[in-house]
Amino acid sequence: MELGKQIKKYRTDKQLSQEQLAERIFVSRQTISNWENDKNYPDIKSLLLMSEVFEVSLDNLVKGDLEEMKIQIKNEDIKEFKKLDIIFTVCLLLVMITPIPLLKYLGTIAGALIWLAEFCIAMYFAFKLEKFKKNHDIQTYREIVAFTNGETLSEKEKVQENAKNLYQKILLAIGTGVITFIVCVIMGLFLK
């Protein structure tokens, strides 16, 4: 974060010592030192007083800090999305691959119950993933790829992608069904 560097830069530009700045904004010299060394951060009242002393806008005083926070939040969102995506993918694969082996080796009731539990877990993560996508306004494959790369689409590109959204969802559902059917047939042949 850049706020400590910003405070020190503006203080030295104004040729103020830490003690002189502290007197002007009604805090101790140690407090100024802590801010400049990023040990803690000033409250809004102190930020406003410093912006007056430095004769800069509050936005310019904390700009580097805000940009860094935005980047950090975006990176955390991307990590969360990737984590949910991996969990959902593993759960979906389990739901597709395990029904026949579960039924064959554990019996109808136990196998069906375990498969149903797998299915419920997969659906839980599917809903979490969809909620995340809705909160971040990413629905199409291209938007998801852009998001995971830390980018955004232009308004024109978003409109084009949203026009494709309906048939992409239909194709995705059909494709998942076909893959599941093929896996079940292969597992059935393999376990005979």
N, C-alpha and C. Protein backbone atom coordinates (compact mmCIF):
# COMPACT_ATOMS: atom_id res chain seq x y z
N MET A 1 0.84 -1.19 0.00
CA MET A 1 0.00 0.00 0.00
C MET A 1 0.88 1.25 0.00
N GLU A 2 0.37 2.32 -0.59
CA GLU A 2 1.18 3.50 -0.87
C GLU A 2 0.95 4.67 0.08
N LEU A 3 0.00 4.58 0.98
CA LEU A 3 -0.37 5.75 1.77
C LEU A 3 0.79 6.28 2.60
N GLY A 4 1.56 5.41 3.23
CA GLY A 4 2.71 5.87 4.03
C GLY A 4 3.71 6.63 3.18
N LYS A 5 3.98 6.14 1.98
CA LYS A 5 4.90 6.82 1.07
C LYS A 5 4.34 8.16 0.63
N GLN A 6 3.03 8.20 0.40
CA GLN A 6 2.39 9.45 -0.02
C GLN A 6 2.53 10.51 1.09
N ILE A 7 2.26 10.11 2.32
CA ILE A 7 2.36 11.07 3.44
C ILE A 7 3.79 11.60 3.55
N LYS A 8 4.76 10.70 3.50
CA LYS A 8 6.16 11.12 3.61
C LYS A 8 6.54 12.03 2.45
N LYS A 9 6.11 11.68 1.24
CA LYS A 9 6.44 12.49 0.05
C LYS A 9 5.88 13.90 0.20
N TYR A 10 4.59 14.00 0.53
CA TYR A 10 3.99 15.33 0.65
C TYR A 10 4.58 16.12 1.83
N ARG A 11 4.90 15.42 2.92
CA ARG A 11 5.50 16.10 4.08
C ARG A 11 6.87 16.68 3.73
N THR A 12 7.69 15.90 3.04
CA THR A 12 9.02 16.39 2.66
C THR A 12 8.93 17.46 1.57
N ASP A 13 7.94 17.35 0.67
CA ASP A 13 7.73 18.39 -0.34
C ASP A 13 7.41 19.73 0.32
N LYS A 14 6.68 19.69 1.43
CA LYS A 14 6.32 20.91 2.17
C LYS A 14 7.40 21.30 3.17
N GLN A 15 8.49 20.53 3.21
CA GLN A 15 9.61 20.75 4.11
C GLN A 15 9.16 20.83 5.57
N LEU A 16 8.35 19.84 5.93
CA LEU A 16 7.85 19.73 7.31
C LEU A 16 8.51 18.53 7.97
N SER A 17 8.86 18.69 9.25
CA SER A 17 9.34 17.54 10.00
C SER A 17 8.11 16.75 10.46
N GLN A 18 8.35 15.54 10.94
CA GLN A 18 7.23 14.76 11.47
C GLN A 18 6.57 15.48 12.63
N GLU A 19 7.39 16.13 13.45
CA GLU A 19 6.85 16.84 14.60
C GLU A 19 5.99 18.04 14.17
N GLN A 20 6.44 18.78 13.16
CA GLN A 20 5.68 19.93 12.67
C GLN A 20 4.33 19.49 12.08
N LEU A 21 4.36 18.41 11.30
CA LEU A 21 3.10 17.90 10.74
C LEU A 21 2.17 17.43 11.85
N ALA A 22 2.75 16.75 12.84
CA ALA A 22 1.95 16.24 13.96
C ALA A 22 1.24 17.39 14.69
N GLU A 23 1.94 18.51 14.90
CA GLU A 23 1.33 19.67 15.57
C GLU A 23 0.18 20.23 14.76
N ARG A 24 0.33 20.27 13.43
CA ARG A 24 -0.71 20.85 12.57
C ARG A 24 -1.97 20.00 12.49
N ILE A 25 -1.83 18.70 12.64
CA ILE A 25 -3.03 17.86 12.52
C ILE A 25 -3.42 17.22 13.86
N PHE A 26 -2.80 17.70 14.95
CA PHE A 26 -3.19 17.36 16.31
C PHE A 26 -2.99 15.88 16.66
N VAL A 27 -1.84 15.33 16.27
CA VAL A 27 -1.47 13.97 16.66
C VAL A 27 -0.03 13.99 17.15
N SER A 28 0.48 12.86 17.60
CA SER A 28 1.87 12.81 18.07
C SER A 28 2.82 12.54 16.90
N ARG A 29 4.11 12.85 17.13
CA ARG A 29 5.13 12.59 16.11
C ARG A 29 5.21 11.09 15.83
N GLN A 30 5.05 10.28 16.88
CA GLN A 30 5.08 8.82 16.74
C GLN A 30 3.96 8.33 15.82
N THR A 31 2.82 8.97 15.90
CA THR A 31 1.70 8.60 15.03
C THR A 31 2.06 8.83 13.57
N ILE A 32 2.69 9.97 13.29
CA ILE A 32 3.12 10.27 11.92
C ILE A 32 4.12 9.21 11.45
N SER A 33 5.06 8.87 12.32
CA SER A 33 6.06 7.86 11.99
C SER A 33 5.38 6.51 11.69
N ASN A 34 4.40 6.14 12.50
CA ASN A 34 3.68 4.89 12.26
C ASN A 34 2.95 4.90 10.92
N TRP A 35 2.36 6.04 10.56
CA TRP A 35 1.66 6.13 9.28
C TRP A 35 2.66 5.99 8.12
N GLU A 36 3.77 6.68 8.24
CA GLU A 36 4.76 6.65 7.16
C GLU A 36 5.41 5.28 7.00
N ASN A 37 5.45 4.52 8.08
CA ASN A 37 6.03 3.17 8.02
C ASN A 37 4.96 2.09 7.85
N ASP A 38 3.73 2.51 7.54
CA ASP A 38 2.61 1.60 7.30
C ASP A 38 2.32 0.66 8.46
N LYS A 39 2.59 1.14 9.69
CA LYS A 39 2.25 0.34 10.86
C LYS A 39 0.77 0.45 11.19
N ASN A 40 0.20 1.61 10.88
CA ASN A 40 -1.25 1.78 10.96
C ASN A 40 -1.65 2.91 10.02
N TYR A 41 -2.93 3.18 9.93
CA TYR A 41 -3.43 4.15 8.96
C TYR A 41 -4.20 5.27 9.66
N PRO A 42 -4.15 6.46 9.09
CA PRO A 42 -4.86 7.59 9.70
C PRO A 42 -6.37 7.45 9.55
N ASP A 43 -7.09 8.07 10.49
CA ASP A 43 -8.54 8.11 10.36
C ASP A 43 -8.93 9.20 9.35
N ILE A 44 -10.19 9.28 9.02
CA ILE A 44 -10.64 10.20 7.98
C ILE A 44 -10.40 11.66 8.36
N LYS A 45 -10.55 11.98 9.65
CA LYS A 45 -10.32 13.36 10.10
C LYS A 45 -8.87 13.76 9.87
N SER A 46 -7.94 12.86 10.21
CA SER A 46 -6.52 13.15 10.00
C SER A 46 -6.19 13.25 8.51
N LEU A 47 -6.81 12.40 7.70
CA LEU A 47 -6.59 12.47 6.25
C LEU A 47 -7.05 13.81 5.69
N LEU A 48 -8.20 14.28 6.16
CA LEU A 48 -8.71 15.57 5.70
C LEU A 48 -7.79 16.71 6.11
N LEU A 49 -7.32 16.67 7.36
CA LEU A 49 -6.40 17.71 7.83
C LEU A 49 -5.09 17.68 7.04
N MET A 50 -4.57 16.48 6.77
CA MET A 50 -3.32 16.38 5.99
C MET A 50 -3.53 16.90 4.57
N SER A 51 -4.68 16.62 3.97
CA SER A 51 -4.90 17.10 2.60
C SER A 51 -4.93 18.63 2.58
N GLU A 52 -5.43 19.25 3.66
CA GLU A 52 -5.41 20.72 3.74
C GLU A 52 -3.98 21.23 3.93
N VAL A 53 -3.23 20.59 4.82
CA VAL A 53 -1.85 21.01 5.08
C VAL A 53 -1.00 20.85 3.82
N PHE A 54 -1.17 19.74 3.12
CA PHE A 54 -0.37 19.47 1.92
C PHE A 54 -0.90 20.19 0.68
N GLU A 55 -2.10 20.77 0.81
CA GLU A 55 -2.77 21.46 -0.30
C GLU A 55 -2.95 20.55 -1.50
N VAL A 56 -3.43 19.33 -1.22
CA VAL A 56 -3.78 18.37 -2.27
C VAL A 56 -5.16 17.81 -1.95
N SER A 57 -5.80 17.29 -2.96
CA SER A 57 -7.11 16.69 -2.71
C SER A 57 -6.94 15.39 -1.94
N LEU A 58 -7.98 15.02 -1.25
CA LEU A 58 -7.97 13.76 -0.51
C LEU A 58 -7.74 12.59 -1.47
N ASP A 59 -8.32 12.70 -2.66
CA ASP A 59 -8.16 11.66 -3.68
C ASP A 59 -6.68 11.51 -4.05
N ASN A 60 -5.97 12.62 -4.27
CA ASN A 60 -4.55 12.54 -4.62
C ASN A 60 -3.71 12.01 -3.46
N LEU A 61 -4.11 12.33 -2.24
CA LEU A 61 -3.36 11.88 -1.08
C LEU A 61 -3.41 10.36 -0.95
N VAL A 62 -4.57 9.77 -1.18
CA VAL A 62 -4.72 8.33 -0.98
C VAL A 62 -4.82 7.54 -2.28
N LYS A 63 -4.65 8.19 -3.41
CA LYS A 63 -4.86 7.54 -4.71
C LYS A 63 -4.09 6.25 -4.86
N GLY A 64 -2.83 6.24 -4.58
CA GLY A 64 -2.05 5.01 -4.71
C GLY A 64 -2.60 3.90 -3.84
N ASP A 65 -3.06 4.25 -2.65
CA ASP A 65 -3.61 3.28 -1.72
C ASP A 65 -4.90 2.68 -2.28
N LEU A 66 -5.77 3.52 -2.84
CA LEU A 66 -7.03 3.04 -3.40
C LEU A 66 -6.79 2.12 -4.58
N GLU A 67 -5.87 2.48 -5.44
CA GLU A 67 -5.58 1.63 -6.61
C GLU A 67 -5.05 0.27 -6.16
N GLU A 68 -4.18 0.27 -5.17
CA GLU A 68 -3.63 -0.99 -4.65
C GLU A 68 -4.74 -1.84 -4.04
N MET A 69 -5.66 -1.21 -3.30
CA MET A 69 -6.77 -1.94 -2.70
C MET A 69 -7.65 -2.56 -3.78
N LYS A 70 -7.93 -1.81 -4.84
CA LYS A 70 -8.75 -2.33 -5.94
C LYS A 70 -8.10 -3.55 -6.57
N ILE A 71 -6.80 -3.48 -6.78
CA ILE A 71 -6.08 -4.61 -7.38
C ILE A 71 -6.13 -5.81 -6.44
N GLN A 72 -5.92 -5.58 -5.15
CA GLN A 72 -5.93 -6.67 -4.18
C GLN A 72 -7.30 -7.32 -4.11
N ILE A 73 -8.36 -6.52 -4.09
CA ILE A 73 -9.73 -7.06 -4.05
C ILE A 73 -10.01 -7.86 -5.31
N LYS A 74 -9.61 -7.33 -6.47
CA LYS A 74 -9.82 -8.03 -7.74
C LYS A 74 -9.10 -9.37 -7.72
N ASN A 75 -7.85 -9.40 -7.24
CA ASN A 75 -7.10 -10.66 -7.17
C ASN A 75 -7.75 -11.66 -6.23
N GLU A 76 -8.28 -11.19 -5.10
CA GLU A 76 -8.97 -12.08 -4.17
C GLU A 76 -10.23 -12.65 -4.81
N ASP A 77 -10.96 -11.82 -5.57
CA ASP A 77 -12.15 -12.30 -6.27
C ASP A 77 -11.79 -13.37 -7.30
N ILE A 78 -10.71 -13.15 -8.03
CA ILE A 78 -10.29 -14.12 -9.04
C ILE A 78 -9.91 -15.44 -8.37
N LYS A 79 -9.18 -15.37 -7.26
CA LYS A 79 -8.81 -16.59 -6.54
C LYS A 79 -10.05 -17.34 -6.06
N GLU A 80 -11.01 -16.60 -5.51
CA GLU A 80 -12.25 -17.22 -5.02
C GLU A 80 -13.01 -17.88 -6.16
N PHE A 81 -13.08 -17.21 -7.31
CA PHE A 81 -13.77 -17.77 -8.47
C PHE A 81 -13.09 -19.05 -8.93
N LYS A 82 -11.77 -19.02 -9.03
CA LYS A 82 -11.04 -20.21 -9.48
C LYS A 82 -11.22 -21.37 -8.50
N LYS A 83 -11.22 -21.07 -7.20
CA LYS A 83 -11.41 -22.11 -6.19
C LYS A 83 -12.80 -22.75 -6.33
N LEU A 84 -13.84 -21.92 -6.46
CA LEU A 84 -15.19 -22.45 -6.64
C LEU A 84 -15.29 -23.27 -7.92
N ASP A 85 -14.65 -22.79 -8.97
CA ASP A 85 -14.69 -23.48 -10.26
C ASP A 85 -14.06 -24.87 -10.15
N ILE A 86 -12.91 -24.97 -9.50
CA ILE A 86 -12.24 -26.27 -9.36
C ILE A 86 -13.09 -27.23 -8.52
N ILE A 87 -13.63 -26.74 -7.41
CA ILE A 87 -14.46 -27.60 -6.55
C ILE A 87 -15.67 -28.10 -7.33
N PHE A 88 -16.34 -27.19 -8.05
CA PHE A 88 -17.51 -27.60 -8.81
C PHE A 88 -17.14 -28.61 -9.90
N THR A 89 -16.03 -28.40 -10.59
CA THR A 89 -15.61 -29.31 -11.65
C THR A 89 -15.36 -30.71 -11.09
N VAL A 90 -14.66 -30.80 -9.96
CA VAL A 90 -14.39 -32.10 -9.35
C VAL A 90 -15.70 -32.77 -8.93
N CYS A 91 -16.59 -32.01 -8.32
CA CYS A 91 -17.88 -32.56 -7.91
C CYS A 91 -18.69 -33.05 -9.11
N LEU A 92 -18.70 -32.28 -10.18
CA LEU A 92 -19.44 -32.67 -11.39
C LEU A 92 -18.86 -33.95 -11.99
N LEU A 93 -17.53 -34.04 -12.02
CA LEU A 93 -16.91 -35.26 -12.54
C LEU A 93 -17.27 -36.47 -11.67
N LEU A 94 -17.27 -36.30 -10.36
CA LEU A 94 -17.67 -37.39 -9.48
C LEU A 94 -19.11 -37.82 -9.74
N VAL A 95 -19.99 -36.86 -9.92
CA VAL A 95 -21.39 -37.17 -10.18
C VAL A 95 -21.52 -37.93 -11.50
N MET A 96 -20.70 -37.59 -12.49
CA MET A 96 -20.79 -38.24 -13.79
C MET A 96 -20.15 -39.63 -13.77
N ILE A 97 -19.07 -39.82 -13.04
CA ILE A 97 -18.29 -41.05 -13.13
C ILE A 97 -18.74 -42.12 -12.13
N THR A 98 -19.21 -41.74 -10.97
CA THR A 98 -19.41 -42.71 -9.89
C THR A 98 -20.75 -43.44 -9.83
N PRO A 99 -21.80 -43.07 -10.55
CA PRO A 99 -23.08 -43.75 -10.28
C PRO A 99 -23.06 -45.26 -10.49
N ILE A 100 -22.52 -45.72 -11.59
CA ILE A 100 -22.53 -47.15 -11.87
C ILE A 100 -21.63 -47.92 -10.90
N PRO A 101 -20.38 -47.48 -10.67
CA PRO A 101 -19.57 -48.21 -9.67
C PRO A 101 -20.21 -48.23 -8.28
N LEU A 102 -20.82 -47.12 -7.88
CA LEU A 102 -21.46 -47.07 -6.56
C LEU A 102 -22.60 -48.08 -6.49
N LEU A 103 -23.43 -48.11 -7.51
CA LEU A 103 -24.56 -49.03 -7.51
C LEU A 103 -24.09 -50.49 -7.56
N LYS A 104 -23.06 -50.75 -8.34
CA LYS A 104 -22.57 -52.13 -8.50
C LYS A 104 -21.90 -52.64 -7.23
N TYR A 105 -21.05 -51.81 -6.61
CA TYR A 105 -20.24 -52.31 -5.48
C TYR A 105 -20.87 -52.06 -4.11
N LEU A 106 -21.73 -51.07 -4.00
CA LEU A 106 -22.32 -50.79 -2.68
C LEU A 106 -23.80 -51.15 -2.60
N GLY A 107 -24.37 -51.54 -3.69
CA GLY A 107 -25.79 -51.89 -3.70
C GLY A 107 -26.64 -50.68 -4.06
N THR A 108 -27.87 -50.95 -4.30
CA THR A 108 -28.78 -49.92 -4.81
C THR A 108 -28.99 -48.78 -3.81
N ILE A 109 -29.32 -49.11 -2.60
CA ILE A 109 -29.66 -48.06 -1.63
C ILE A 109 -28.43 -47.26 -1.21
N ALA A 110 -27.38 -47.94 -0.77
CA ALA A 110 -26.17 -47.23 -0.32
C ALA A 110 -25.54 -46.46 -1.47
N GLY A 111 -25.45 -47.08 -2.64
CA GLY A 111 -24.88 -46.42 -3.81
C GLY A 111 -25.67 -45.19 -4.20
N ALA A 112 -27.00 -45.32 -4.19
CA ALA A 112 -27.86 -44.19 -4.56
C ALA A 112 -27.75 -43.06 -3.55
N LEU A 113 -27.65 -43.40 -2.27
CA LEU A 113 -27.53 -42.37 -1.24
C LEU A 113 -26.21 -41.61 -1.36
N ILE A 114 -25.13 -42.34 -1.60
CA ILE A 114 -23.83 -41.67 -1.75
C ILE A 114 -23.83 -40.80 -3.00
N TRP A 115 -24.39 -41.33 -4.10
CA TRP A 115 -24.44 -40.55 -5.33
C TRP A 115 -25.31 -39.30 -5.13
N LEU A 116 -26.43 -39.45 -4.41
CA LEU A 116 -27.30 -38.31 -4.14
C LEU A 116 -26.57 -37.25 -3.31
N ALA A 117 -25.74 -37.69 -2.36
CA ALA A 117 -24.95 -36.73 -1.57
C ALA A 117 -23.96 -36.01 -2.47
N GLU A 118 -23.30 -36.75 -3.36
CA GLU A 118 -22.38 -36.11 -4.33
C GLU A 118 -23.12 -35.09 -5.18
N PHE A 119 -24.30 -35.46 -5.64
CA PHE A 119 -25.10 -34.58 -6.48
C PHE A 119 -25.48 -33.30 -5.73
N CYS A 120 -25.89 -33.44 -4.47
CA CYS A 120 -26.28 -32.27 -3.67
C CYS A 120 -25.09 -31.34 -3.44
N ILE A 121 -23.92 -31.90 -3.19
CA ILE A 121 -22.72 -31.08 -3.00
C ILE A 121 -22.38 -30.35 -4.30
N ALA A 122 -22.47 -31.07 -5.43
CA ALA A 122 -22.20 -30.43 -6.73
C ALA A 122 -23.18 -29.30 -6.99
N MET A 123 -24.44 -29.50 -6.67
CA MET A 123 -25.45 -28.45 -6.88
C MET A 123 -25.20 -27.25 -5.97
N TYR A 124 -24.78 -27.51 -4.73
CA TYR A 124 -24.46 -26.42 -3.80
C TYR A 124 -23.37 -25.53 -4.40
N PHE A 125 -22.30 -26.15 -4.89
CA PHE A 125 -21.21 -25.36 -5.47
C PHE A 125 -21.61 -24.73 -6.80
N ALA A 126 -22.50 -25.38 -7.53
CA ALA A 126 -23.00 -24.78 -8.77
C ALA A 126 -23.77 -23.49 -8.45
N PHE A 127 -24.61 -23.53 -7.41
CA PHE A 127 -25.35 -22.33 -7.02
C PHE A 127 -24.42 -21.23 -6.51
N LYS A 128 -23.40 -21.63 -5.73
CA LYS A 128 -22.43 -20.63 -5.25
C LYS A 128 -21.71 -19.98 -6.42
N LEU A 129 -21.32 -20.79 -7.40
CA LEU A 129 -20.63 -20.28 -8.58
C LEU A 129 -21.53 -19.34 -9.37
N GLU A 130 -22.79 -19.72 -9.55
CA GLU A 130 -23.73 -18.86 -10.28
C GLU A 130 -23.98 -17.55 -9.54
N LYS A 131 -24.09 -17.62 -8.21
CA LYS A 131 -24.28 -16.40 -7.42
C LYS A 131 -23.08 -15.48 -7.57
N PHE A 132 -21.87 -16.05 -7.52
CA PHE A 132 -20.64 -15.27 -7.70
C PHE A 132 -20.65 -14.60 -9.07
N LYS A 133 -21.00 -15.36 -10.11
CA LYS A 133 -21.03 -14.81 -11.47
C LYS A 133 -22.05 -13.69 -11.58
N LYS A 134 -23.20 -13.86 -10.94
CA LYS A 134 -24.24 -12.82 -10.99
C LYS A 134 -23.77 -11.57 -10.26
N ASN A 135 -23.14 -11.73 -9.10
CA ASN A 135 -22.65 -10.58 -8.32
C ASN A 135 -21.58 -9.80 -9.06
N HIS A 136 -20.80 -10.49 -9.90
CA HIS A 136 -19.72 -9.83 -10.63
C HIS A 136 -20.08 -9.58 -12.09
N ASP A 137 -21.35 -9.83 -12.44
CA ASP A 137 -21.87 -9.59 -13.78
C ASP A 137 -21.02 -10.28 -14.85
N ILE A 138 -20.76 -11.56 -14.63
CA ILE A 138 -20.06 -12.37 -15.63
C ILE A 138 -20.91 -13.60 -15.90
N GLN A 139 -21.33 -13.77 -17.13
CA GLN A 139 -22.19 -14.88 -17.45
C GLN A 139 -21.66 -15.75 -18.58
N THR A 140 -21.07 -15.14 -19.59
CA THR A 140 -20.63 -15.92 -20.75
C THR A 140 -19.20 -16.38 -20.58
N TYR A 141 -18.83 -17.34 -21.40
CA TYR A 141 -17.47 -17.89 -21.33
C TYR A 141 -16.43 -16.80 -21.52
N ARG A 142 -16.66 -15.92 -22.48
CA ARG A 142 -15.69 -14.85 -22.76
C ARG A 142 -15.56 -13.90 -21.57
N GLU A 143 -16.67 -13.59 -20.91
CA GLU A 143 -16.63 -12.73 -19.73
C GLU A 143 -15.88 -13.42 -18.59
N ILE A 144 -16.08 -14.72 -18.45
CA ILE A 144 -15.40 -15.47 -17.39
C ILE A 144 -13.89 -15.47 -17.64
N VAL A 145 -13.49 -15.71 -18.89
CA VAL A 145 -12.07 -15.71 -19.22
C VAL A 145 -11.47 -14.34 -18.96
N ALA A 146 -12.18 -13.28 -19.38
CA ALA A 146 -11.69 -11.92 -19.14
C ALA A 146 -11.55 -11.66 -17.64
N PHE A 147 -12.54 -12.08 -16.86
CA PHE A 147 -12.51 -11.87 -15.41
C PHE A 147 -11.33 -12.57 -14.78
N THR A 148 -11.10 -13.84 -15.15
CA THR A 148 -9.99 -14.58 -14.54
C THR A 148 -8.64 -14.03 -14.96
N ASN A 149 -8.60 -13.26 -16.05
CA ASN A 149 -7.36 -12.60 -16.47
C ASN A 149 -7.26 -11.19 -15.91
N GLY A 150 -8.23 -10.79 -15.08
CA GLY A 150 -8.22 -9.46 -14.48
C GLY A 150 -8.63 -8.36 -15.43
N GLU A 151 -9.37 -8.70 -16.48
CA GLU A 151 -9.80 -7.72 -17.48
C GLU A 151 -11.32 -7.60 -17.46
N THR A 152 -11.83 -6.62 -18.20
CA THR A 152 -13.27 -6.49 -18.39
C THR A 152 -13.56 -6.27 -19.86
N LEU A 153 -14.78 -6.61 -20.26
CA LEU A 153 -15.18 -6.41 -21.64
C LEU A 153 -15.80 -5.03 -21.80
N SER A 154 -15.72 -4.49 -23.01
CA SER A 154 -16.37 -3.20 -23.29
C SER A 154 -17.88 -3.43 -23.33
N GLU A 155 -18.65 -2.36 -23.30
CA GLU A 155 -20.11 -2.47 -23.33
C GLU A 155 -20.58 -3.17 -24.60
N LYS A 156 -19.97 -2.85 -25.72
CA LYS A 156 -20.35 -3.48 -26.99
C LYS A 156 -20.10 -4.99 -26.93
N GLU A 157 -18.95 -5.37 -26.41
CA GLU A 157 -18.62 -6.79 -26.29
C GLU A 157 -19.58 -7.50 -25.34
N LYS A 158 -19.99 -6.82 -24.25
CA LYS A 158 -20.94 -7.42 -23.30
C LYS A 158 -22.29 -7.67 -23.96
N VAL A 159 -22.75 -6.72 -24.77
CA VAL A 159 -24.04 -6.89 -25.46
C VAL A 159 -23.96 -8.08 -26.41
N GLN A 160 -22.86 -8.19 -27.14
CA GLN A 160 -22.68 -9.31 -28.06
C GLN A 160 -22.66 -10.64 -27.31
N GLU A 161 -21.98 -10.67 -26.19
CA GLU A 161 -21.89 -11.90 -25.40
C GLU A 161 -23.24 -12.27 -24.79
N ASN A 162 -24.00 -11.26 -24.31
CA ASN A 162 -25.31 -11.55 -23.73
C ASN A 162 -26.28 -12.09 -24.77
N ALA A 163 -26.13 -11.69 -26.03
CA ALA A 163 -26.97 -12.22 -27.10
C ALA A 163 -26.71 -13.72 -27.29
N LYS A 164 -25.47 -14.15 -27.05
CA LYS A 164 -25.10 -15.56 -27.19
C LYS A 164 -25.46 -16.39 -25.96
N ASN A 165 -25.76 -15.73 -24.86
CA ASN A 165 -25.91 -16.39 -23.57
C ASN A 165 -26.95 -17.51 -23.58
N LEU A 166 -28.12 -17.30 -24.19
CA LEU A 166 -29.19 -18.28 -24.15
C LEU A 166 -28.78 -19.58 -24.82
N TYR A 167 -28.31 -19.51 -26.06
CA TYR A 167 -27.96 -20.76 -26.73
C TYR A 167 -26.73 -21.41 -26.12
N GLN A 168 -25.83 -20.63 -25.51
CA GLN A 168 -24.68 -21.23 -24.85
C GLN A 168 -25.13 -22.08 -23.66
N LYS A 169 -26.11 -21.60 -22.91
CA LYS A 169 -26.60 -22.37 -21.76
C LYS A 169 -27.29 -23.65 -22.23
N ILE A 170 -28.06 -23.56 -23.30
CA ILE A 170 -28.73 -24.75 -23.83
C ILE A 170 -27.70 -25.77 -24.31
N LEU A 171 -26.70 -25.30 -25.06
CA LEU A 171 -25.66 -26.21 -25.54
C LEU A 171 -24.87 -26.82 -24.39
N LEU A 172 -24.62 -26.04 -23.36
CA LEU A 172 -23.90 -26.55 -22.20
C LEU A 172 -24.69 -27.65 -21.51
N ALA A 173 -25.98 -27.45 -21.34
CA ALA A 173 -26.82 -28.48 -20.71
C ALA A 173 -26.86 -29.74 -21.56
N ILE A 174 -27.04 -29.60 -22.86
CA ILE A 174 -27.07 -30.76 -23.76
C ILE A 174 -25.72 -31.48 -23.75
N GLY A 175 -24.64 -30.70 -23.83
CA GLY A 175 -23.29 -31.28 -23.82
C GLY A 175 -23.01 -32.05 -22.54
N THR A 176 -23.40 -31.50 -21.41
CA THR A 176 -23.20 -32.19 -20.14
C THR A 176 -23.99 -33.49 -20.09
N GLY A 177 -25.22 -33.44 -20.58
CA GLY A 177 -26.05 -34.66 -20.63
C GLY A 177 -25.44 -35.72 -21.52
N VAL A 178 -24.97 -35.34 -22.70
CA VAL A 178 -24.35 -36.29 -23.63
C VAL A 178 -23.10 -36.90 -23.02
N ILE A 179 -22.25 -36.06 -22.42
CA ILE A 179 -21.02 -36.57 -21.80
C ILE A 179 -21.36 -37.53 -20.67
N THR A 180 -22.34 -37.19 -19.85
CA THR A 180 -22.75 -38.07 -18.76
C THR A 180 -23.24 -39.40 -19.30
N PHE A 181 -24.06 -39.36 -20.35
CA PHE A 181 -24.56 -40.60 -20.96
C PHE A 181 -23.41 -41.46 -21.48
N ILE A 182 -22.46 -40.84 -22.18
CA ILE A 182 -21.32 -41.58 -22.74
C ILE A 182 -20.49 -42.20 -21.61
N VAL A 183 -20.24 -41.44 -20.56
CA VAL A 183 -19.47 -41.97 -19.42
C VAL A 183 -20.21 -43.14 -18.78
N CYS A 184 -21.52 -43.03 -18.63
CA CYS A 184 -22.30 -44.13 -18.04
C CYS A 184 -22.25 -45.38 -18.91
N VAL A 185 -22.37 -45.21 -20.22
CA VAL A 185 -22.29 -46.36 -21.13
C VAL A 185 -20.91 -47.02 -21.03
N ILE A 186 -19.87 -46.21 -21.06
CA ILE A 186 -18.50 -46.75 -20.96
C ILE A 186 -18.30 -47.46 -19.62
N MET A 187 -18.76 -46.85 -18.54
CA MET A 187 -18.63 -47.48 -17.22
C MET A 187 -19.42 -48.77 -17.16
N GLY A 188 -20.62 -48.76 -17.76
CA GLY A 188 -21.43 -49.97 -17.80
C GLY A 188 -20.74 -51.09 -18.54
N LEU A 189 -20.14 -50.78 -19.69
CA LEU A 189 -19.41 -51.79 -20.46
C LEU A 189 -18.17 -52.26 -19.71
N PHE A 190 -17.51 -51.33 -19.05
CA PHE A 190 -16.28 -51.65 -18.33
C PHE A 190 -16.55 -52.55 -17.13
N LEU A 191 -17.66 -52.35 -16.47
CA LEU A 191 -17.96 -53.10 -15.25
C LEU A 191 -18.69 -54.40 -15.50
N LYS A 192 -19.03 -54.73 -16.74
CA LYS A 192 -19.72 -56.00 -17.02
C LYS A 192 -18.84 -57.17 -16.80
